Protein backbone atom coordinates (compact mmCIF):
# COMPACT_ATOMS: atom_id res chain seq x y z
CA MET A 1 -262.88 -68.79 101.15
CA ILE A 2 -261.72 -69.54 97.64
CA LYS A 3 -262.69 -66.05 96.52
CA GLU A 4 -260.65 -64.52 99.38
CA ARG A 5 -257.57 -66.53 98.38
CA VAL A 6 -257.89 -65.48 94.74
CA LEU A 7 -258.31 -61.86 95.80
CA LEU A 8 -255.21 -62.07 98.07
CA ALA A 9 -253.14 -63.62 95.29
CA GLY A 10 -254.20 -60.86 92.94
CA VAL A 11 -253.14 -58.21 95.44
CA VAL A 12 -249.70 -59.85 95.88
CA VAL A 13 -249.19 -60.08 92.10
CA GLY A 14 -250.22 -56.47 91.74
CA LEU A 15 -247.76 -55.33 94.40
CA LEU A 16 -244.92 -57.28 92.76
CA LEU A 17 -245.72 -55.68 89.40
CA ILE A 18 -245.66 -52.23 90.95
CA LEU A 19 -242.33 -52.94 92.65
CA ALA A 20 -240.82 -54.31 89.44
CA ILE A 21 -241.96 -51.29 87.48
CA SER A 22 -240.54 -48.91 90.08
CA GLY A 23 -237.17 -50.77 90.07
CA CYS A 24 -237.49 -51.82 93.69
CA ALA A 25 -238.36 -55.48 93.31
CA ALA A 26 -235.66 -56.43 95.82
CA PRO A 27 -233.12 -54.42 97.75
CA SER A 28 -229.52 -54.74 96.49
CA PRO A 29 -227.04 -56.06 99.04
CA THR A 30 -224.91 -53.36 100.58
CA LYS A 31 -221.41 -53.44 99.04
CA THR A 32 -218.43 -53.00 101.35
CA PRO A 33 -215.97 -50.55 99.77
CA ALA A 34 -212.74 -52.29 98.68
CA PRO A 35 -209.89 -51.44 100.99
CA ALA A 36 -207.42 -48.99 99.50
CA GLU A 37 -204.29 -50.74 98.22
CA THR A 38 -201.12 -50.09 100.14
CA PRO A 39 -198.80 -48.20 97.81
CA LYS A 40 -195.95 -50.41 96.69
CA LYS A 41 -192.61 -49.18 97.90
CA GLU A 42 -190.02 -48.48 95.26
CA PRO A 43 -187.48 -51.32 95.37
CA ILE A 44 -183.74 -50.95 95.68
CA VAL A 45 -182.48 -52.46 92.43
CA ILE A 46 -179.32 -54.57 92.52
CA GLY A 47 -177.90 -55.28 89.10
CA MET A 48 -175.97 -58.52 88.72
CA PRO A 49 -173.81 -58.94 85.60
CA LEU A 50 -172.84 -62.63 85.65
CA PRO A 51 -171.64 -65.40 83.32
CA THR A 52 -174.80 -67.34 84.09
CA ALA A 53 -173.82 -70.55 82.27
CA TYR A 54 -170.77 -71.03 84.52
CA VAL A 55 -170.37 -71.81 88.21
CA TYR A 56 -168.96 -68.29 88.73
CA GLY A 57 -172.35 -67.04 87.62
CA TYR A 58 -175.06 -69.43 88.79
CA GLY A 59 -173.52 -69.94 92.24
CA PRO A 60 -173.50 -66.20 92.99
CA GLU A 61 -177.01 -65.88 91.53
CA HIS A 62 -178.34 -68.56 93.90
CA ALA A 63 -176.57 -66.88 96.83
CA ALA A 64 -177.95 -63.45 95.96
CA ARG A 65 -181.50 -64.76 95.66
CA LEU A 66 -181.22 -66.37 99.09
CA ALA A 67 -179.86 -63.18 100.66
CA VAL A 68 -182.55 -60.98 99.06
CA GLU A 69 -185.28 -63.39 100.15
CA GLU A 70 -184.01 -63.30 103.74
CA ILE A 71 -183.67 -59.51 103.85
CA ASN A 72 -187.07 -58.87 102.27
CA ALA A 73 -188.72 -61.35 104.66
CA LYS A 74 -187.55 -59.11 107.50
CA GLY A 75 -189.05 -56.03 105.90
CA GLY A 76 -186.33 -54.98 103.50
CA VAL A 77 -183.64 -52.33 103.88
CA LYS A 78 -184.17 -49.16 105.88
CA VAL A 79 -183.58 -46.06 103.77
CA GLY A 80 -184.04 -43.00 105.91
CA ASP A 81 -187.43 -43.42 107.59
CA GLU A 82 -188.84 -46.23 105.44
CA TYR A 83 -188.10 -49.85 104.65
CA ARG A 84 -187.75 -50.78 100.99
CA PRO A 85 -187.46 -54.21 99.37
CA LEU A 86 -184.50 -55.40 97.37
CA LYS A 87 -184.92 -56.44 93.75
CA LEU A 88 -182.43 -58.34 91.60
CA GLU A 89 -181.85 -57.67 87.92
CA ILE A 90 -179.59 -60.35 86.45
CA ILE A 91 -178.00 -60.29 83.01
CA ASP A 92 -175.72 -62.77 81.26
CA THR A 93 -172.31 -61.25 80.48
CA ARG A 94 -171.02 -64.41 78.75
CA ASP A 95 -167.52 -63.21 79.67
CA LEU A 96 -166.20 -66.71 80.41
CA GLU A 97 -167.25 -68.13 77.05
CA PRO A 98 -164.41 -68.71 74.55
CA GLY A 99 -164.30 -66.07 71.83
CA VAL A 100 -166.81 -63.69 73.41
CA PRO A 101 -165.35 -60.14 73.32
CA VAL A 102 -165.11 -58.00 76.42
CA THR A 103 -167.36 -55.44 74.75
CA ASP A 104 -170.31 -57.84 75.09
CA ALA A 105 -169.95 -57.82 78.88
CA LEU A 106 -169.67 -54.04 78.91
CA ALA A 107 -172.81 -53.69 76.83
CA ALA A 108 -174.68 -55.94 79.28
CA ILE A 109 -173.60 -53.78 82.22
CA GLU A 110 -174.67 -50.58 80.50
CA LYS A 111 -178.04 -52.17 79.79
CA LEU A 112 -178.50 -52.83 83.50
CA ILE A 113 -177.64 -49.24 84.33
CA LEU A 114 -179.57 -47.46 81.60
CA GLU A 115 -182.60 -49.72 81.17
CA LYS A 116 -183.04 -51.36 84.56
CA LYS A 117 -182.04 -48.25 86.51
CA VAL A 118 -179.99 -50.21 89.04
CA ASN A 119 -178.86 -48.53 92.25
CA VAL A 120 -175.83 -50.76 92.73
CA LEU A 121 -173.96 -53.56 90.96
CA VAL A 122 -172.89 -56.83 92.61
CA GLY A 123 -171.21 -59.92 91.19
CA GLY A 124 -169.18 -59.84 88.00
CA PRO A 125 -168.15 -59.85 85.28
CA ALA A 126 -165.93 -62.71 86.39
CA ARG A 127 -163.11 -62.52 83.85
CA SER A 128 -160.41 -60.10 85.01
CA GLU A 129 -160.08 -58.44 81.61
CA ALA A 130 -163.82 -57.69 81.50
CA ALA A 131 -163.98 -56.47 85.10
CA LEU A 132 -161.06 -54.11 84.60
CA ALA A 133 -162.74 -52.61 81.54
CA ALA A 134 -166.05 -52.36 83.42
CA MET A 135 -164.46 -50.14 86.08
CA ASP A 136 -164.76 -47.21 83.67
CA ILE A 137 -168.50 -47.83 83.33
CA SER A 138 -169.00 -47.79 87.11
CA ALA A 139 -166.99 -44.57 87.21
CA LYS A 140 -168.86 -42.99 84.28
CA TYR A 141 -172.33 -43.60 85.73
CA LYS A 142 -171.27 -43.38 89.40
CA VAL A 143 -172.74 -46.75 90.35
CA PRO A 144 -171.41 -48.40 93.54
CA THR A 145 -170.06 -51.79 92.47
CA ILE A 146 -168.93 -54.83 94.46
CA ILE A 147 -167.04 -57.53 92.58
CA SER A 148 -167.74 -60.83 94.35
CA THR A 149 -166.88 -63.53 91.82
CA GLY A 150 -163.81 -64.11 89.67
CA VAL A 151 -161.40 -61.22 89.09
CA LEU A 152 -158.31 -62.39 90.94
CA THR A 153 -155.92 -59.84 89.46
CA PRO A 154 -154.38 -57.42 92.00
CA VAL A 155 -154.55 -54.75 89.29
CA TYR A 156 -158.21 -54.23 90.22
CA HIS A 157 -157.70 -52.75 93.66
CA LYS A 158 -154.33 -51.25 92.72
CA ARG A 159 -156.09 -49.17 90.08
CA ILE A 160 -158.54 -47.90 92.72
CA SER A 161 -155.81 -46.85 95.15
CA GLU A 162 -153.84 -45.11 92.37
CA ASN A 163 -156.83 -43.21 90.99
CA TYR A 164 -159.26 -43.09 93.88
CA GLU A 165 -161.42 -40.20 92.71
CA LYS A 166 -162.21 -41.92 89.43
CA TYR A 167 -162.62 -45.49 90.63
CA LYS A 168 -163.94 -44.96 94.17
CA TYR A 169 -167.27 -46.57 93.20
CA CYS A 170 -165.55 -49.96 92.75
CA PHE A 171 -165.06 -52.48 95.58
CA ARG A 172 -164.01 -56.13 95.72
CA LEU A 173 -165.46 -58.55 98.25
CA ASN A 174 -163.42 -61.43 96.95
CA SER A 175 -159.91 -62.76 97.28
CA PHE A 176 -157.14 -62.12 94.77
CA ALA A 177 -153.98 -63.71 93.44
CA VAL A 178 -151.49 -62.55 96.09
CA PRO A 179 -153.03 -64.12 99.23
CA LEU A 180 -154.06 -67.18 97.21
CA ALA A 181 -150.50 -67.57 95.95
CA THR A 182 -148.93 -67.21 99.40
CA GLU A 183 -151.46 -69.67 100.86
CA ASN A 184 -150.69 -72.13 98.07
CA VAL A 185 -146.97 -71.87 98.83
CA GLU A 186 -147.62 -72.35 102.55
CA ILE A 187 -149.57 -75.54 101.85
CA LEU A 188 -146.80 -76.83 99.57
CA GLU A 189 -144.15 -75.98 102.14
CA GLY A 190 -146.09 -78.10 104.62
CA LEU A 191 -146.01 -81.01 102.17
CA ARG A 192 -142.27 -80.54 101.64
CA ALA A 193 -141.65 -80.56 105.39
CA LYS A 194 -143.67 -83.76 105.77
CA TYR A 195 -142.73 -85.68 102.60
CA GLY A 196 -139.65 -83.99 101.18
CA TYR A 197 -141.35 -82.81 97.98
CA ASP A 198 -139.46 -80.18 95.98
CA LYS A 199 -140.47 -80.52 92.30
CA VAL A 200 -143.50 -78.80 90.81
CA TYR A 201 -144.99 -78.78 87.32
CA VAL A 202 -147.16 -75.75 86.49
CA MET A 203 -150.24 -76.07 84.27
CA VAL A 204 -152.30 -72.91 83.70
CA GLN A 205 -155.08 -71.69 81.45
CA ASP A 206 -153.87 -69.04 79.02
CA VAL A 207 -155.78 -66.12 80.56
CA GLU A 208 -154.45 -63.22 82.58
CA HIS A 209 -155.27 -64.26 86.14
CA ALA A 210 -154.10 -67.86 85.59
CA ARG A 211 -150.82 -66.90 83.92
CA LYS A 212 -150.01 -64.41 86.65
CA PHE A 213 -150.98 -66.87 89.36
CA GLY A 214 -148.65 -69.53 87.93
CA GLU A 215 -145.79 -67.10 87.44
CA VAL A 216 -146.06 -65.67 90.96
CA ILE A 217 -146.19 -69.06 92.68
CA ALA A 218 -143.39 -70.48 90.55
CA GLY A 219 -141.22 -67.52 91.51
CA LEU A 220 -142.03 -67.82 95.20
CA LEU A 221 -141.29 -71.56 95.19
CA GLU A 222 -137.98 -71.14 93.39
CA LYS A 223 -136.89 -68.64 96.02
CA LYS A 224 -137.61 -71.30 98.63
CA GLY A 225 -135.54 -73.92 96.83
CA TRP A 226 -138.21 -75.69 94.79
CA LYS A 227 -137.52 -76.83 91.23
CA VAL A 228 -140.09 -75.78 88.62
CA VAL A 229 -139.69 -78.64 86.13
CA GLY A 230 -142.30 -77.43 83.64
CA PHE A 231 -144.66 -74.54 82.88
CA ASP A 232 -147.40 -75.13 80.32
CA LYS A 233 -150.17 -72.75 79.20
CA PHE A 234 -153.38 -74.09 77.66
CA PRO A 235 -155.87 -72.20 75.48
CA THR A 236 -159.42 -72.02 76.84
CA GLY A 237 -161.25 -75.10 75.59
CA THR A 238 -158.28 -77.51 75.59
CA THR A 239 -159.48 -81.12 75.90
CA ASP A 240 -156.26 -83.19 76.07
CA PHE A 241 -153.57 -82.72 78.70
CA SER A 242 -151.86 -86.11 78.44
CA ALA A 243 -148.65 -84.82 76.81
CA SER A 244 -148.01 -82.40 79.69
CA LEU A 245 -148.85 -85.07 82.26
CA LEU A 246 -146.30 -87.41 80.65
CA LYS A 247 -143.71 -84.64 80.81
CA ALA A 248 -144.51 -84.08 84.48
CA LYS A 249 -144.04 -87.81 85.10
CA THR A 250 -140.73 -87.87 83.19
CA GLU A 251 -139.43 -84.86 85.12
CA GLY A 252 -140.31 -86.46 88.45
CA ALA A 253 -142.77 -83.79 89.55
CA GLN A 254 -144.43 -84.43 92.92
CA ILE A 255 -146.84 -81.49 92.64
CA LEU A 256 -149.09 -80.41 89.78
CA LEU A 257 -149.83 -76.72 90.24
CA ILE A 258 -153.04 -75.98 88.31
CA GLN A 259 -154.83 -72.69 87.66
CA MET A 260 -157.90 -73.00 85.42
CA ASP A 261 -161.49 -71.81 85.34
CA MET A 262 -162.54 -73.64 82.16
CA PRO A 263 -164.83 -76.68 82.56
CA GLU A 264 -162.44 -78.81 80.48
CA SER A 265 -160.04 -78.95 83.44
CA THR A 266 -162.10 -81.94 84.63
CA ILE A 267 -160.55 -83.85 81.73
CA LEU A 268 -157.10 -83.00 83.07
CA LEU A 269 -158.00 -84.47 86.46
CA LYS A 270 -159.47 -87.63 84.95
CA GLN A 271 -156.31 -88.14 82.89
CA TRP A 272 -154.16 -87.56 85.99
CA ASN A 273 -156.12 -90.24 87.83
CA ASP A 274 -156.16 -92.72 84.93
CA MET A 275 -152.43 -92.32 84.35
CA LYS A 276 -151.72 -92.57 88.11
CA ILE A 277 -149.31 -89.64 87.94
CA LYS A 278 -147.32 -89.54 91.18
CA ALA A 279 -147.90 -85.85 91.75
CA ILE A 280 -150.64 -84.40 93.88
CA PRO A 281 -152.74 -81.75 92.06
CA ILE A 282 -153.39 -78.47 93.79
CA GLY A 283 -154.66 -75.08 92.74
CA PHE A 284 -157.59 -73.03 91.60
CA ILE A 285 -159.75 -75.34 89.48
CA ALA A 286 -163.28 -74.05 88.98
CA ALA A 287 -164.69 -77.27 87.51
CA ALA A 288 -163.77 -79.18 90.67
CA GLN A 289 -165.10 -76.71 93.20
CA GLU A 290 -168.78 -77.61 93.41
CA GLN A 291 -170.25 -80.76 94.91
CA LYS A 292 -171.64 -82.11 91.64
CA ALA A 293 -168.08 -82.30 90.28
CA TRP A 294 -167.60 -85.53 92.22
CA ASP A 295 -170.20 -87.41 90.20
CA ALA A 296 -169.28 -85.61 86.97
CA ALA A 297 -165.71 -86.87 87.30
CA GLY A 298 -166.71 -90.31 88.50
CA GLY A 299 -164.83 -89.72 91.75
CA LYS A 300 -161.55 -89.25 89.89
CA ILE A 301 -160.94 -85.92 91.60
CA ASN A 302 -160.33 -87.68 94.90
CA TYR A 303 -157.27 -86.24 96.72
CA LEU A 304 -157.32 -83.06 94.64
CA ILE A 305 -156.53 -79.97 96.75
CA VAL A 306 -158.62 -77.01 95.63
CA SER A 307 -158.76 -73.35 96.41
CA SER A 308 -162.41 -72.33 96.49
CA GLY A 309 -161.01 -69.12 95.05
CA ALA A 310 -163.02 -67.27 97.59
CA PHE A 311 -164.05 -67.74 101.15
CA ILE A 312 -165.32 -70.19 103.72
CA GLY A 313 -168.97 -71.13 103.45
CA ASN A 314 -168.58 -73.03 100.18
CA ALA A 315 -167.23 -76.26 101.71
CA GLU A 316 -167.37 -78.24 104.95
CA THR A 317 -165.76 -76.23 107.76
CA ASN A 318 -165.91 -75.79 111.53
CA TYR A 319 -166.75 -72.04 111.50
CA GLU A 320 -170.31 -71.72 112.79
CA PRO A 321 -171.57 -68.80 110.66
CA ALA A 322 -170.24 -70.58 107.56
CA LYS A 323 -171.84 -73.85 108.62
CA ASP A 324 -175.14 -72.09 109.17
CA PHE A 325 -175.01 -70.52 105.70
CA TYR A 326 -174.08 -73.89 104.19
CA GLU A 327 -177.15 -75.50 105.78
CA ARG A 328 -179.60 -72.72 104.85
CA TYR A 329 -178.33 -72.64 101.29
CA THR A 330 -178.65 -76.43 100.98
CA LYS A 331 -182.18 -76.31 102.38
CA LYS A 332 -183.15 -73.54 99.95
CA TRP A 333 -181.72 -75.03 96.76
CA GLY A 334 -181.46 -78.74 97.43
CA PHE A 335 -177.68 -78.76 96.99
CA PRO A 336 -174.78 -77.15 98.88
CA PRO A 337 -173.10 -73.86 97.94
CA GLU A 338 -171.46 -74.35 94.59
CA ALA A 339 -168.05 -72.74 94.75
CA HIS A 340 -166.14 -69.59 93.96
CA GLY A 341 -168.15 -66.43 94.44
CA THR A 342 -171.09 -68.08 96.17
CA SER A 343 -170.61 -67.23 99.85
CA ALA A 344 -168.84 -63.99 98.85
CA THR A 345 -171.86 -62.79 96.86
CA TYR A 346 -174.24 -63.67 99.67
CA ALA A 347 -172.06 -61.56 101.97
CA ALA A 348 -171.88 -58.76 99.39
CA ILE A 349 -175.68 -58.40 99.33
CA TYR A 350 -175.69 -58.01 103.10
CA ALA A 351 -172.78 -55.55 102.88
CA ILE A 352 -174.73 -53.42 100.39
CA ALA A 353 -177.82 -53.53 102.63
CA ALA A 354 -175.77 -52.49 105.65
CA ALA A 355 -174.12 -49.66 103.71
CA ILE A 356 -177.44 -48.29 102.45
CA GLU A 357 -178.87 -48.32 105.96
CA LYS A 358 -175.74 -46.63 107.28
CA ALA A 359 -175.88 -44.02 104.50
CA GLY A 360 -179.58 -43.45 105.02
CA SER A 361 -180.03 -42.87 101.31
CA LEU A 362 -179.32 -44.26 97.86
CA ASP A 363 -176.90 -41.50 97.01
CA ALA A 364 -173.89 -43.17 95.36
CA ASP A 365 -171.24 -41.20 97.21
CA ALA A 366 -172.97 -41.78 100.55
CA ILE A 367 -173.04 -45.54 99.85
CA VAL A 368 -169.34 -45.49 98.96
CA LYS A 369 -168.48 -43.73 102.22
CA ALA A 370 -170.60 -46.21 104.18
CA LEU A 371 -168.95 -49.21 102.50
CA GLU A 372 -165.56 -47.78 103.46
CA GLU A 373 -166.68 -47.65 107.09
CA ILE A 374 -168.68 -50.86 107.58
CA ASP A 375 -167.42 -53.55 109.93
CA LEU A 376 -169.58 -56.67 109.75
CA LYS A 377 -168.68 -59.47 112.13
CA ASP A 378 -169.71 -63.12 112.17
CA THR A 379 -170.72 -63.27 108.52
CA PRO A 380 -170.44 -66.61 106.67
CA VAL A 381 -167.11 -65.49 105.19
CA GLY A 382 -165.64 -63.92 108.31
CA ARG A 383 -165.32 -60.26 109.28
CA ILE A 384 -166.03 -57.80 106.44
CA LYS A 385 -163.97 -54.63 106.32
CA PHE A 386 -162.75 -52.81 103.21
CA ASP A 387 -159.46 -51.01 102.89
CA PRO A 388 -160.65 -47.38 102.62
CA LYS A 389 -158.26 -46.51 99.80
CA SER A 390 -158.03 -49.65 97.66
CA HIS A 391 -161.53 -50.98 98.47
CA GLN A 392 -160.15 -54.51 98.69
CA VAL A 393 -161.83 -56.51 101.44
CA VAL A 394 -159.40 -57.45 104.22
CA VAL A 395 -158.28 -61.08 103.90
CA SER A 396 -157.14 -62.99 106.99
CA LYS A 397 -156.60 -66.52 108.27
CA ASP A 398 -158.72 -65.62 111.30
CA PRO A 399 -162.47 -65.05 110.71
CA ALA A 400 -162.50 -62.66 113.65
CA GLU A 401 -160.08 -60.38 111.78
CA GLY A 402 -161.11 -60.59 108.15
CA VAL A 403 -162.60 -62.77 105.44
CA VAL A 404 -160.99 -66.19 105.18
CA ASP A 405 -159.92 -68.01 102.02
CA CYS A 406 -160.95 -71.65 101.90
CA TRP A 407 -158.76 -74.52 100.66
CA PHE A 408 -160.30 -77.96 100.68
CA GLN A 409 -159.37 -81.46 99.60
CA TRP A 410 -161.73 -83.92 97.99
CA GLN A 411 -161.83 -86.83 100.41
CA ASP A 412 -164.19 -89.64 99.38
CA GLY A 413 -166.83 -87.26 98.06
CA VAL A 414 -166.50 -84.67 100.83
CA ARG A 415 -165.10 -81.18 100.26
CA ALA A 416 -163.13 -81.09 103.50
CA THR A 417 -161.49 -77.79 104.44
CA ILE A 418 -157.77 -78.33 105.10
CA PHE A 419 -156.54 -74.70 105.23
CA PRO A 420 -156.28 -72.44 107.15
CA GLN A 421 -156.05 -74.34 110.39
CA SER A 422 -158.50 -71.99 112.14
CA VAL A 423 -161.40 -73.37 110.08
CA ALA A 424 -160.06 -76.78 108.94
CA ILE A 425 -161.81 -80.10 109.58
CA ALA A 426 -159.25 -82.45 107.98
CA GLU A 427 -155.59 -83.02 107.13
CA ILE A 428 -154.21 -83.62 103.63
CA LYS A 429 -154.30 -87.21 102.39
CA LEU A 430 -152.12 -88.66 99.62
CA PRO A 431 -153.43 -90.78 96.71
CA PRO A 432 -152.68 -94.48 97.35
CA TRP A 433 -150.29 -94.62 94.36
CA MET A 434 -148.13 -91.92 96.01
CA LYS A 435 -147.70 -93.61 99.36
């Protein structure tokens, strides 16, 4: 029995040695071929030249990222017979920084075009001077461009209508000085009718759009019988406004008309509050547009009336598409839409997507033609239509007819829309020291 076991063991060992020598000691597991990778679709590249350190830059960037995420989650943008994803390429133009030359912003835009191979441009630059100069770059490289932050000068779309063939690649999905000025006057006329106010003191930043804004409104008010009791211009970076505020007090001003996009304007509002100047501040004040401005100013911007400089969607309103955007944006980022250029840029991304689908290609001239023909209803900013010759988006007080500018008042920490009436949720309140 023992001999049989030894013999059997020897046979087994011998067989194993033979198998090992022949390379067949154990069968290898069958490998399943790796599935072939699905070819990645070439993205549609949207270049965004923005002053990223300023609210005009980071607000639009957040909005664009949200819009791209939403569009890509649904499969992307249909180009002919295929769907392609959107991709953002963002570059800092620094065009709102004091002392930075316009040429720096232009160089940044050319870098997007030449190195990043963008199909379209959306966003800035935000400074009017830089955007006007950048029009020649869009024309040179034939890149469809939608300005959606800053750039309030009417010269932008006037230049397009006067030289359409050269500048037809440029569009503006943003408001501009003329409707903002007339809206400002309408709000002030309402205050005059209610309280008898008729004296205004103008305080503007010494840059093109602000100077023009102040001059236009001052002229319109004087024609209506208002007295302009002062007009001061402040270099970018000014940190003390007390002398002008004292002059406004001495002259009996009841309105402070302010036009500034520099962050230092918060100091002006704090000084106004501390000095209890009996004049209600109103205007385009970038530093007071976003929600965090309330804490930054220690609540001293209460009762300030602000133009969001753009459209509904950036403050509390009763317009459902704007409310929906406000909620989705807040959920995405943990804070509400910042301010000027935010809802407009979100809408601009969707406008570009719609135009590309309508064109059926990425051909620049086909996209331009499609943008001229699009009619997007129920967007967060209202109805989007471009004037086919000037490429300025149609601005209206009715969201069913065009995009709607938003004016809000800070009321106990809430940015409550007070104009136009079609989207308002509150009426203007006066500071207690003015009652």
